[in-house]
Amino acid sequence: MKCIIGLGNPGHEYAHTRHNIGFRVIDTIAAQKRIGLREGDGEFYSGAFTVDGLTTLLAAPTTYMNNSGLAVLDLCRLHGMTPDDLLVVFDDFQLPLGTLRIRESGSDGGHNGLGSIIYHLGTDRIARLRIGVAGCTIPDAHTHEAMAGYVLSGFEQNEVKQLPLLLEKAAEACLSWARDGVPKTMNAFNRNFFSDSVES
């Protein structure tokens, strides 16, 4: 089994913020596969689909971002998964809006959700898909306070029009990872889909 985990904060007030784009990718895949996400035996919603004998679990932790690792640990214990079975999907304000960047491992890059997962699983060898959310209104001063406010803000009107394409490409990247692994997915999806520039 493979598991795609979208990160975000529960609650209506956070639903359309930049920080919740991981949740929206999970919702996009669930809609494409026509499956519902239900409460699990832990602090998460999940649902599964099977294609060509491969079962893929979609999950959205409800612990709030900073404690995402607790929900992911429960998911692994419940389904007998290891870190090699996981793809974590989340926002990155250090990447321009429209950028996708998938990696096999690495540091949390300052993202508290991924940091919590790395801490609770005891390894940074966890595949992750970063989704660029940095638009033209991003603060010049990247202080902790300024950036916390920025990622918890909504997208600008012109950005909202671009989101369907970004969510579609992110969903495709997730399914490519489940089917083909990280290297092939990197080659196909590590780019900015609004400027068509390739990400290294």
N, C-alpha and C. Protein backbone atom coordinates (compact mmCIF):
# COMPACT_ATOMS: atom_id res chain seq x y z
N MET A 1 0.83 -1.20 0.00
CA MET A 1 0.00 0.00 0.00
C MET A 1 0.86 1.25 0.00
N LYS A 2 0.46 2.24 -0.79
CA LYS A 2 1.07 3.56 -0.78
C LYS A 2 0.13 4.53 -0.09
N CYS A 3 0.69 5.59 0.48
CA CYS A 3 -0.15 6.55 1.20
C CYS A 3 0.27 7.98 0.83
N ILE A 4 -0.68 8.75 0.37
CA ILE A 4 -0.48 10.17 0.04
C ILE A 4 -1.12 11.00 1.14
N ILE A 5 -0.31 11.80 1.82
CA ILE A 5 -0.77 12.55 2.99
C ILE A 5 -0.71 14.04 2.68
N GLY A 6 -1.85 14.68 2.67
CA GLY A 6 -1.91 16.12 2.47
C GLY A 6 -1.96 16.83 3.80
N LEU A 7 -1.14 17.88 3.96
CA LEU A 7 -1.09 18.59 5.23
C LEU A 7 -1.92 19.88 5.19
N GLY A 8 -2.46 20.23 6.35
CA GLY A 8 -3.25 21.45 6.48
C GLY A 8 -3.76 21.57 7.90
N ASN A 9 -4.59 22.57 8.12
CA ASN A 9 -5.23 22.78 9.41
C ASN A 9 -6.73 22.52 9.28
N PRO A 10 -7.33 21.81 10.23
CA PRO A 10 -8.77 21.58 10.17
C PRO A 10 -9.53 22.86 10.51
N GLY A 11 -10.74 22.96 10.04
CA GLY A 11 -11.58 24.11 10.37
C GLY A 11 -11.84 24.98 9.15
N HIS A 12 -13.07 25.49 9.06
CA HIS A 12 -13.50 26.28 7.90
C HIS A 12 -12.63 27.51 7.69
N GLU A 13 -12.16 28.12 8.78
CA GLU A 13 -11.39 29.36 8.67
C GLU A 13 -10.05 29.17 7.96
N TYR A 14 -9.58 27.92 7.90
CA TYR A 14 -8.29 27.65 7.25
C TYR A 14 -8.44 27.05 5.86
N ALA A 15 -9.66 26.72 5.48
CA ALA A 15 -9.87 25.87 4.29
C ALA A 15 -9.24 26.41 3.02
N HIS A 16 -9.27 27.71 2.81
CA HIS A 16 -8.79 28.27 1.54
C HIS A 16 -7.49 29.04 1.69
N THR A 17 -6.76 28.77 2.75
CA THR A 17 -5.47 29.43 2.94
C THR A 17 -4.38 28.72 2.15
N ARG A 18 -3.25 29.41 1.99
CA ARG A 18 -2.11 28.83 1.29
C ARG A 18 -1.60 27.60 2.03
N HIS A 19 -1.66 27.65 3.36
CA HIS A 19 -1.14 26.56 4.19
C HIS A 19 -1.90 25.26 4.00
N ASN A 20 -3.11 25.33 3.46
CA ASN A 20 -3.97 24.14 3.34
C ASN A 20 -3.98 23.54 1.96
N ILE A 21 -3.03 23.90 1.12
CA ILE A 21 -3.07 23.38 -0.24
C ILE A 21 -2.86 21.87 -0.27
N GLY A 22 -2.17 21.32 0.74
CA GLY A 22 -2.03 19.86 0.81
C GLY A 22 -3.37 19.16 0.95
N PHE A 23 -4.25 19.70 1.79
CA PHE A 23 -5.60 19.16 1.93
C PHE A 23 -6.33 19.21 0.58
N ARG A 24 -6.15 20.31 -0.14
CA ARG A 24 -6.89 20.50 -1.39
C ARG A 24 -6.42 19.53 -2.46
N VAL A 25 -5.16 19.16 -2.43
CA VAL A 25 -4.68 18.15 -3.37
C VAL A 25 -5.32 16.80 -3.08
N ILE A 26 -5.42 16.46 -1.80
CA ILE A 26 -6.08 15.20 -1.41
C ILE A 26 -7.54 15.22 -1.85
N ASP A 27 -8.23 16.34 -1.66
CA ASP A 27 -9.62 16.46 -2.09
C ASP A 27 -9.74 16.31 -3.61
N THR A 28 -8.76 16.85 -4.33
CA THR A 28 -8.78 16.76 -5.79
C THR A 28 -8.66 15.31 -6.25
N ILE A 29 -7.73 14.57 -5.64
CA ILE A 29 -7.57 13.15 -6.02
C ILE A 29 -8.81 12.35 -5.62
N ALA A 30 -9.34 12.63 -4.44
CA ALA A 30 -10.54 11.91 -3.98
C ALA A 30 -11.71 12.13 -4.94
N ALA A 31 -11.85 13.36 -5.42
CA ALA A 31 -12.93 13.66 -6.36
C ALA A 31 -12.70 12.93 -7.69
N GLN A 32 -11.45 12.91 -8.15
CA GLN A 32 -11.13 12.21 -9.40
C GLN A 32 -11.43 10.71 -9.29
N LYS A 33 -11.11 10.13 -8.14
CA LYS A 33 -11.29 8.69 -7.94
C LYS A 33 -12.68 8.34 -7.39
N ARG A 34 -13.46 9.39 -7.13
CA ARG A 34 -14.83 9.23 -6.64
C ARG A 34 -14.89 8.41 -5.35
N ILE A 35 -14.03 8.80 -4.42
CA ILE A 35 -14.04 8.17 -3.10
C ILE A 35 -14.27 9.23 -2.04
N GLY A 36 -14.82 8.81 -0.92
CA GLY A 36 -15.02 9.72 0.20
C GLY A 36 -13.94 9.53 1.24
N LEU A 37 -13.65 10.59 1.97
CA LEU A 37 -12.71 10.50 3.08
C LEU A 37 -13.51 10.42 4.38
N ARG A 38 -13.17 9.45 5.21
CA ARG A 38 -13.90 9.24 6.45
C ARG A 38 -12.96 9.29 7.64
N GLU A 39 -13.52 9.57 8.80
CA GLU A 39 -12.72 9.59 10.03
C GLU A 39 -12.15 8.20 10.28
N GLY A 40 -10.87 8.14 10.66
CA GLY A 40 -10.21 6.87 10.93
C GLY A 40 -10.03 6.63 12.41
N ASP A 41 -9.31 5.57 12.74
CA ASP A 41 -9.00 5.24 14.13
C ASP A 41 -7.79 6.05 14.59
N GLY A 42 -7.91 7.34 14.49
CA GLY A 42 -6.85 8.27 14.82
C GLY A 42 -7.30 9.64 14.38
N GLU A 43 -6.42 10.61 14.48
CA GLU A 43 -6.79 11.98 14.14
C GLU A 43 -6.49 12.25 12.67
N PHE A 44 -7.32 11.68 11.81
CA PHE A 44 -7.17 11.86 10.37
C PHE A 44 -8.43 11.41 9.65
N TYR A 45 -8.58 11.91 8.44
CA TYR A 45 -9.59 11.41 7.51
C TYR A 45 -8.83 10.62 6.45
N SER A 46 -9.44 9.56 5.93
CA SER A 46 -8.74 8.76 4.92
C SER A 46 -9.74 8.04 4.03
N GLY A 47 -9.23 7.62 2.90
CA GLY A 47 -10.00 6.82 1.94
C GLY A 47 -9.02 6.18 0.98
N ALA A 48 -9.37 5.03 0.43
CA ALA A 48 -8.44 4.29 -0.42
C ALA A 48 -9.07 3.96 -1.77
N PHE A 49 -8.21 3.79 -2.77
CA PHE A 49 -8.64 3.32 -4.08
C PHE A 49 -7.59 2.36 -4.60
N THR A 50 -7.99 1.50 -5.52
CA THR A 50 -7.08 0.50 -6.08
C THR A 50 -7.08 0.59 -7.59
N VAL A 51 -5.89 0.66 -8.18
CA VAL A 51 -5.73 0.68 -9.63
C VAL A 51 -4.66 -0.34 -10.00
N ASP A 52 -5.01 -1.25 -10.90
CA ASP A 52 -4.06 -2.29 -11.36
C ASP A 52 -3.42 -3.02 -10.19
N GLY A 53 -4.20 -3.32 -9.18
CA GLY A 53 -3.72 -4.09 -8.05
C GLY A 53 -2.98 -3.30 -7.00
N LEU A 54 -2.73 -2.00 -7.25
CA LEU A 54 -2.03 -1.16 -6.28
C LEU A 54 -3.04 -0.32 -5.49
N THR A 55 -3.06 -0.52 -4.18
CA THR A 55 -3.94 0.25 -3.31
C THR A 55 -3.21 1.49 -2.81
N THR A 56 -3.86 2.62 -2.96
CA THR A 56 -3.30 3.89 -2.50
C THR A 56 -4.27 4.51 -1.50
N LEU A 57 -3.73 4.88 -0.36
CA LEU A 57 -4.51 5.50 0.70
C LEU A 57 -4.30 7.00 0.65
N LEU A 58 -5.40 7.76 0.70
CA LEU A 58 -5.34 9.21 0.82
C LEU A 58 -5.62 9.57 2.27
N ALA A 59 -4.87 10.51 2.82
CA ALA A 59 -5.07 10.85 4.24
C ALA A 59 -4.87 12.34 4.46
N ALA A 60 -5.64 12.86 5.42
CA ALA A 60 -5.55 14.27 5.82
C ALA A 60 -5.59 14.32 7.35
N PRO A 61 -4.46 14.60 7.99
CA PRO A 61 -4.43 14.69 9.46
C PRO A 61 -5.31 15.83 9.97
N THR A 62 -5.92 15.62 11.13
CA THR A 62 -6.77 16.65 11.74
C THR A 62 -6.17 17.14 13.06
N THR A 63 -4.87 17.00 13.20
CA THR A 63 -4.19 17.35 14.45
C THR A 63 -3.76 18.80 14.52
N TYR A 64 -4.01 19.57 13.46
CA TYR A 64 -3.36 20.86 13.21
C TYR A 64 -1.94 20.58 12.74
N MET A 65 -1.48 21.50 11.92
CA MET A 65 -0.23 21.30 11.17
C MET A 65 0.94 20.86 12.05
N ASN A 66 1.15 21.56 13.18
CA ASN A 66 2.36 21.33 13.96
C ASN A 66 2.45 19.95 14.60
N ASN A 67 1.33 19.22 14.65
CA ASN A 67 1.33 17.87 15.23
C ASN A 67 0.98 16.80 14.21
N SER A 68 1.22 17.09 12.95
CA SER A 68 0.88 16.14 11.88
C SER A 68 1.52 14.77 12.08
N GLY A 69 2.71 14.75 12.68
CA GLY A 69 3.43 13.49 12.86
C GLY A 69 2.69 12.49 13.71
N LEU A 70 1.88 12.96 14.66
CA LEU A 70 1.11 12.06 15.50
C LEU A 70 0.10 11.27 14.68
N ALA A 71 -0.57 11.95 13.76
CA ALA A 71 -1.55 11.28 12.91
C ALA A 71 -0.87 10.34 11.94
N VAL A 72 0.27 10.75 11.40
CA VAL A 72 0.99 9.90 10.43
C VAL A 72 1.52 8.64 11.12
N LEU A 73 1.97 8.78 12.36
CA LEU A 73 2.42 7.61 13.11
C LEU A 73 1.27 6.63 13.31
N ASP A 74 0.10 7.14 13.64
CA ASP A 74 -1.08 6.28 13.78
C ASP A 74 -1.43 5.58 12.47
N LEU A 75 -1.34 6.33 11.36
CA LEU A 75 -1.63 5.74 10.05
C LEU A 75 -0.69 4.59 9.75
N CYS A 76 0.59 4.78 10.03
CA CYS A 76 1.58 3.73 9.76
C CYS A 76 1.33 2.50 10.61
N ARG A 77 1.02 2.70 11.88
CA ARG A 77 0.76 1.58 12.77
C ARG A 77 -0.51 0.83 12.36
N LEU A 78 -1.52 1.58 11.98
CA LEU A 78 -2.81 0.98 11.64
C LEU A 78 -2.74 0.16 10.36
N HIS A 79 -1.96 0.64 9.38
CA HIS A 79 -1.93 -0.01 8.07
C HIS A 79 -0.63 -0.76 7.80
N GLY A 80 0.24 -0.84 8.79
CA GLY A 80 1.49 -1.58 8.62
C GLY A 80 2.41 -0.96 7.58
N MET A 81 2.42 0.38 7.51
CA MET A 81 3.25 1.06 6.52
C MET A 81 4.56 1.54 7.14
N THR A 82 5.56 1.73 6.29
CA THR A 82 6.84 2.30 6.69
C THR A 82 6.99 3.66 6.02
N PRO A 83 8.00 4.45 6.41
CA PRO A 83 8.22 5.74 5.74
C PRO A 83 8.38 5.63 4.23
N ASP A 84 8.88 4.48 3.74
CA ASP A 84 9.06 4.29 2.30
C ASP A 84 7.73 4.27 1.55
N ASP A 85 6.64 4.06 2.26
CA ASP A 85 5.31 3.97 1.64
C ASP A 85 4.61 5.32 1.55
N LEU A 86 5.24 6.38 2.06
CA LEU A 86 4.56 7.66 2.24
C LEU A 86 5.01 8.74 1.26
N LEU A 87 4.06 9.59 0.88
CA LEU A 87 4.34 10.85 0.19
C LEU A 87 3.60 11.94 0.95
N VAL A 88 4.34 12.94 1.41
CA VAL A 88 3.75 14.06 2.16
C VAL A 88 3.64 15.27 1.24
N VAL A 89 2.46 15.88 1.20
CA VAL A 89 2.17 16.98 0.28
C VAL A 89 1.87 18.24 1.09
N PHE A 90 2.58 19.34 0.79
CA PHE A 90 2.38 20.54 1.62
C PHE A 90 2.83 21.79 0.87
N ASP A 91 2.52 22.94 1.46
CA ASP A 91 2.84 24.25 0.90
C ASP A 91 4.30 24.62 1.15
N ASP A 92 4.83 25.48 0.27
CA ASP A 92 6.18 26.00 0.47
C ASP A 92 6.21 27.46 -0.02
N PHE A 93 6.37 28.40 0.92
CA PHE A 93 6.37 29.82 0.55
C PHE A 93 7.71 30.24 -0.06
N GLN A 94 8.68 29.34 -0.04
CA GLN A 94 9.97 29.66 -0.65
C GLN A 94 10.02 29.33 -2.15
N LEU A 95 8.94 28.72 -2.64
CA LEU A 95 8.84 28.40 -4.07
C LEU A 95 7.75 29.26 -4.70
N PRO A 96 7.98 29.75 -5.92
CA PRO A 96 6.97 30.56 -6.61
C PRO A 96 5.68 29.77 -6.83
N LEU A 97 4.57 30.47 -6.80
CA LEU A 97 3.28 29.85 -7.05
C LEU A 97 3.30 29.12 -8.38
N GLY A 98 2.82 27.89 -8.38
CA GLY A 98 2.79 27.08 -9.59
C GLY A 98 3.92 26.07 -9.67
N THR A 99 4.85 26.11 -8.71
CA THR A 99 6.00 25.22 -8.72
C THR A 99 5.72 23.94 -7.95
N LEU A 100 6.12 22.82 -8.52
CA LEU A 100 6.09 21.53 -7.83
C LEU A 100 7.52 21.04 -7.70
N ARG A 101 7.85 20.48 -6.54
CA ARG A 101 9.19 19.93 -6.33
C ARG A 101 9.07 18.70 -5.45
N ILE A 102 9.36 17.55 -6.02
CA ILE A 102 9.29 16.29 -5.26
C ILE A 102 10.71 15.82 -4.98
N ARG A 103 10.91 15.29 -3.77
CA ARG A 103 12.21 14.78 -3.35
C ARG A 103 12.00 13.49 -2.54
N GLU A 104 13.05 12.67 -2.48
CA GLU A 104 12.98 11.41 -1.72
C GLU A 104 13.23 11.60 -0.24
N SER A 105 13.98 12.65 0.13
CA SER A 105 14.37 12.82 1.53
C SER A 105 14.89 14.24 1.71
N GLY A 106 15.29 14.54 2.96
CA GLY A 106 15.88 15.85 3.24
C GLY A 106 15.33 16.45 4.52
N SER A 107 15.78 17.66 4.82
CA SER A 107 15.33 18.33 6.03
C SER A 107 13.89 18.81 5.87
N ASP A 108 13.34 19.35 6.96
CA ASP A 108 11.96 19.85 6.88
C ASP A 108 11.88 21.22 6.22
N GLY A 109 13.03 21.87 5.98
CA GLY A 109 13.03 23.17 5.31
C GLY A 109 12.26 24.23 6.07
N GLY A 110 12.10 24.05 7.38
CA GLY A 110 11.37 25.02 8.17
C GLY A 110 9.87 24.82 8.20
N HIS A 111 9.39 23.74 7.58
CA HIS A 111 7.94 23.47 7.58
C HIS A 111 7.59 22.63 8.80
N ASN A 112 6.77 23.18 9.68
CA ASN A 112 6.48 22.51 10.95
C ASN A 112 5.72 21.19 10.79
N GLY A 113 4.89 21.11 9.77
CA GLY A 113 4.16 19.86 9.55
C GLY A 113 5.09 18.72 9.18
N LEU A 114 5.95 18.97 8.20
CA LEU A 114 6.94 17.95 7.83
C LEU A 114 7.90 17.69 8.98
N GLY A 115 8.28 18.74 9.70
CA GLY A 115 9.17 18.56 10.85
C GLY A 115 8.59 17.63 11.89
N SER A 116 7.30 17.74 12.15
CA SER A 116 6.63 16.86 13.10
C SER A 116 6.64 15.42 12.62
N ILE A 117 6.44 15.22 11.32
CA ILE A 117 6.43 13.87 10.77
C ILE A 117 7.82 13.25 10.86
N ILE A 118 8.85 14.01 10.49
CA ILE A 118 10.22 13.51 10.59
C ILE A 118 10.55 13.14 12.03
N TYR A 119 10.13 13.97 12.97
CA TYR A 119 10.42 13.73 14.40
C TYR A 119 9.74 12.44 14.86
N HIS A 120 8.47 12.28 14.58
CA HIS A 120 7.72 11.14 15.12
C HIS A 120 8.06 9.83 14.40
N LEU A 121 8.47 9.90 13.15
CA LEU A 121 8.86 8.66 12.44
C LEU A 121 10.34 8.36 12.59
N GLY A 122 11.10 9.33 13.06
CA GLY A 122 12.51 9.10 13.33
C GLY A 122 13.39 9.01 12.11
N THR A 123 12.96 9.61 10.99
CA THR A 123 13.76 9.60 9.77
C THR A 123 13.35 10.75 8.88
N ASP A 124 14.33 11.24 8.09
CA ASP A 124 13.98 12.26 7.09
C ASP A 124 13.90 11.65 5.70
N ARG A 125 14.00 10.33 5.62
CA ARG A 125 13.86 9.64 4.34
C ARG A 125 12.38 9.39 4.06
N ILE A 126 11.70 10.47 3.82
CA ILE A 126 10.26 10.45 3.54
C ILE A 126 10.04 11.27 2.28
N ALA A 127 9.43 10.68 1.26
CA ALA A 127 9.16 11.41 0.03
C ALA A 127 8.23 12.58 0.33
N ARG A 128 8.49 13.72 -0.32
CA ARG A 128 7.64 14.88 -0.09
C ARG A 128 7.45 15.65 -1.39
N LEU A 129 6.25 16.21 -1.54
CA LEU A 129 5.92 17.06 -2.67
C LEU A 129 5.64 18.46 -2.13
N ARG A 130 6.57 19.37 -2.42
CA ARG A 130 6.39 20.77 -2.03
C ARG A 130 5.63 21.49 -3.14
N ILE A 131 4.67 22.30 -2.73
CA ILE A 131 3.87 23.06 -3.69
C ILE A 131 4.11 24.54 -3.43
N GLY A 132 4.65 25.22 -4.43
CA GLY A 132 4.95 26.64 -4.27
C GLY A 132 3.70 27.47 -4.13
N VAL A 133 3.67 28.32 -3.10
CA VAL A 133 2.50 29.19 -2.87
C VAL A 133 2.89 30.66 -2.80
N ALA A 134 4.12 31.00 -3.17
CA ALA A 134 4.60 32.38 -3.07
C ALA A 134 4.12 33.21 -4.26
N GLY A 135 3.17 34.10 -3.98
CA GLY A 135 2.66 34.98 -5.02
C GLY A 135 3.30 36.36 -4.94
N CYS A 136 2.76 37.30 -5.70
CA CYS A 136 3.37 38.63 -5.77
C CYS A 136 3.16 39.45 -4.50
N THR A 137 2.27 39.02 -3.62
CA THR A 137 2.01 39.77 -2.39
C THR A 137 2.81 39.25 -1.20
N ILE A 138 3.73 38.33 -1.44
CA ILE A 138 4.53 37.79 -0.33
C ILE A 138 5.33 38.91 0.31
N PRO A 139 5.40 38.97 1.65
CA PRO A 139 6.16 40.03 2.32
C PRO A 139 7.63 40.02 1.94
N ASP A 140 8.21 41.23 1.82
CA ASP A 140 9.63 41.34 1.51
C ASP A 140 10.49 40.78 2.64
N ALA A 141 10.07 41.07 3.88
CA ALA A 141 10.81 40.58 5.05
C ALA A 141 10.26 39.21 5.44
N HIS A 142 11.10 38.19 5.29
CA HIS A 142 10.66 36.83 5.59
C HIS A 142 10.84 36.51 7.07
N THR A 143 10.27 37.34 7.93
CA THR A 143 10.31 37.05 9.35
C THR A 143 9.32 35.95 9.67
N HIS A 144 9.53 35.29 10.80
CA HIS A 144 8.62 34.20 11.19
C HIS A 144 7.19 34.71 11.28
N GLU A 145 7.00 35.85 11.89
CA GLU A 145 5.65 36.40 12.08
C GLU A 145 5.00 36.75 10.74
N ALA A 146 5.78 37.39 9.87
CA ALA A 146 5.24 37.80 8.57
C ALA A 146 4.85 36.60 7.73
N MET A 147 5.70 35.57 7.73
CA MET A 147 5.42 34.41 6.88
C MET A 147 4.31 33.54 7.45
N ALA A 148 4.21 33.49 8.78
CA ALA A 148 3.10 32.75 9.39
C ALA A 148 1.78 33.39 8.97
N GLY A 149 1.75 34.70 8.97
CA GLY A 149 0.54 35.39 8.54
C GLY A 149 0.26 35.18 7.06
N TYR A 150 1.33 35.14 6.26
CA TYR A 150 1.15 34.99 4.82
C TYR A 150 0.58 33.63 4.46
N VAL A 151 1.15 32.56 5.01
CA VAL A 151 0.66 31.22 4.63
C VAL A 151 -0.74 30.96 5.18
N LEU A 152 -1.14 31.71 6.20
CA LEU A 152 -2.49 31.56 6.73
C LEU A 152 -3.48 32.52 6.07
N SER A 153 -3.02 33.20 5.02
CA SER A 153 -3.90 34.09 4.26
C SER A 153 -4.44 33.36 3.04
N GLY A 154 -5.47 33.93 2.44
CA GLY A 154 -6.04 33.33 1.23
C GLY A 154 -5.27 33.75 -0.01
N PHE A 155 -5.59 33.10 -1.11
CA PHE A 155 -4.97 33.44 -2.39
C PHE A 155 -5.63 34.69 -2.96
N GLU A 156 -4.87 35.45 -3.74
CA GLU A 156 -5.41 36.62 -4.42
C GLU A 156 -6.35 36.16 -5.53
N GLN A 157 -7.22 37.08 -5.96
CA GLN A 157 -8.25 36.72 -6.94
C GLN A 157 -7.65 36.15 -8.22
N ASN A 158 -6.57 36.76 -8.70
CA ASN A 158 -5.95 36.26 -9.93
C ASN A 158 -5.30 34.90 -9.70
N GLU A 159 -4.83 34.63 -8.47
CA GLU A 159 -4.21 33.35 -8.15
C GLU A 159 -5.25 32.24 -8.07
N VAL A 160 -6.44 32.59 -7.55
CA VAL A 160 -7.52 31.61 -7.44
C VAL A 160 -7.86 31.02 -8.81
N LYS A 161 -7.77 31.85 -9.84
CA LYS A 161 -8.07 31.38 -11.19
C LYS A 161 -7.03 30.37 -11.68
N GLN A 162 -5.82 30.44 -11.14
CA GLN A 162 -4.75 29.54 -11.55
C GLN A 162 -4.74 28.23 -10.76
N LEU A 163 -5.40 28.22 -9.62
CA LEU A 163 -5.31 27.06 -8.73
C LEU A 163 -5.78 25.75 -9.34
N PRO A 164 -6.86 25.73 -10.15
CA PRO A 164 -7.28 24.43 -10.70
C PRO A 164 -6.17 23.72 -11.46
N LEU A 165 -5.37 24.46 -12.24
CA LEU A 165 -4.27 23.84 -12.97
C LEU A 165 -3.22 23.31 -12.00
N LEU A 166 -2.88 24.11 -10.98
CA LEU A 166 -1.87 23.68 -10.02
C LEU A 166 -2.32 22.43 -9.27
N LEU A 167 -3.58 22.41 -8.83
CA LEU A 167 -4.11 21.25 -8.11
C LEU A 167 -4.15 20.02 -9.02
N GLU A 168 -4.49 20.22 -10.28
CA GLU A 168 -4.53 19.10 -11.23
C GLU A 168 -3.13 18.51 -11.42
N LYS A 169 -2.14 19.37 -11.59
CA LYS A 169 -0.78 18.88 -11.81
C LYS A 169 -0.21 18.23 -10.55
N ALA A 170 -0.54 18.80 -9.38
CA ALA A 170 -0.08 18.20 -8.13
C ALA A 170 -0.71 16.83 -7.94
N ALA A 171 -1.99 16.70 -8.26
CA ALA A 171 -2.66 15.39 -8.16
C ALA A 171 -2.01 14.39 -9.11
N GLU A 172 -1.69 14.83 -10.32
CA GLU A 172 -1.02 13.94 -11.28
C GLU A 172 0.34 13.51 -10.76
N ALA A 173 1.06 14.44 -10.13
CA ALA A 173 2.38 14.10 -9.59
C ALA A 173 2.25 13.06 -8.48
N CYS A 174 1.26 13.20 -7.63
CA CYS A 174 1.05 12.23 -6.55
C CYS A 174 0.77 10.84 -7.10
N LEU A 175 -0.08 10.76 -8.11
CA LEU A 175 -0.42 9.46 -8.69
C LEU A 175 0.77 8.88 -9.44
N SER A 176 1.58 9.75 -10.05
CA SER A 176 2.81 9.29 -10.70
C SER A 176 3.76 8.70 -9.67
N TRP A 177 3.88 9.36 -8.52
CA TRP A 177 4.75 8.82 -7.46
C TRP A 177 4.29 7.43 -7.03
N ALA A 178 2.99 7.26 -6.82
CA ALA A 178 2.47 5.96 -6.36
C ALA A 178 2.73 4.87 -7.40
N ARG A 179 2.66 5.25 -8.66
CA ARG A 179 2.81 4.27 -9.75
C ARG A 179 4.27 4.05 -10.14
N ASP A 180 5.05 5.14 -10.25
CA ASP A 180 6.38 5.07 -10.86
C ASP A 180 7.54 5.43 -9.94
N GLY A 181 7.25 5.96 -8.73
CA GLY A 181 8.31 6.33 -7.82
C GLY A 181 8.81 7.75 -8.02
N VAL A 182 9.79 8.14 -7.20
CA VAL A 182 10.25 9.53 -7.18
C VAL A 182 11.03 9.93 -8.43
N PRO A 183 12.05 9.17 -8.89
CA PRO A 183 12.86 9.65 -10.01
C PRO A 183 12.07 10.01 -11.26
N LYS A 184 11.17 9.14 -11.69
CA LYS A 184 10.37 9.43 -12.89
C LYS A 184 9.45 10.62 -12.64
N THR A 185 8.92 10.72 -11.43
CA THR A 185 8.02 11.83 -11.12
C THR A 185 8.78 13.15 -11.09
N MET A 186 10.00 13.13 -10.57
CA MET A 186 10.83 14.34 -10.58
C MET A 186 11.04 14.83 -12.00
N ASN A 187 11.37 13.93 -12.90
CA ASN A 187 11.64 14.31 -14.29
C ASN A 187 10.43 14.92 -14.97
N ALA A 188 9.26 14.43 -14.61
CA ALA A 188 8.04 14.88 -15.27
C ALA A 188 7.40 16.11 -14.62
N PHE A 189 7.59 16.27 -13.31
CA PHE A 189 6.80 17.29 -12.60
C PHE A 189 7.59 18.35 -11.85
N ASN A 190 8.90 18.22 -11.73
CA ASN A 190 9.67 19.25 -11.02
C ASN A 190 9.83 20.47 -11.92
N ARG A 191 8.83 21.34 -11.89
CA ARG A 191 8.83 22.52 -12.74
C ARG A 191 7.79 23.52 -12.23
N ASN A 192 7.82 24.71 -12.81
CA ASN A 192 6.76 25.68 -12.54
C ASN A 192 5.78 25.62 -13.70
N PHE A 193 4.57 25.24 -13.42
CA PHE A 193 3.58 25.04 -14.46
C PHE A 193 2.93 26.34 -14.93
N PHE A 194 3.27 27.45 -14.28
CA PHE A 194 2.79 28.75 -14.74
C PHE A 194 3.82 29.46 -15.61
N SER A 195 5.09 29.13 -15.45
CA SER A 195 6.13 29.74 -16.27
C SER A 195 6.84 28.72 -17.15
N ASP A 196 6.57 27.42 -16.90
CA ASP A 196 7.17 26.31 -17.66
C ASP A 196 8.67 26.19 -17.45
N SER A 197 9.17 26.70 -16.32
CA SER A 197 10.59 26.53 -16.03
C SER A 197 10.80 25.26 -15.23
N VAL A 198 11.89 24.56 -15.52
CA VAL A 198 12.18 23.29 -14.87
C VAL A 198 12.88 23.57 -13.54
N GLU A 199 12.46 22.82 -12.49
CA GLU A 199 13.07 22.94 -11.17
C GLU A 199 14.16 21.89 -11.01
N SER A 200 15.29 22.29 -10.47
CA SER A 200 16.37 21.33 -10.25
C SER A 200 16.20 20.64 -8.92
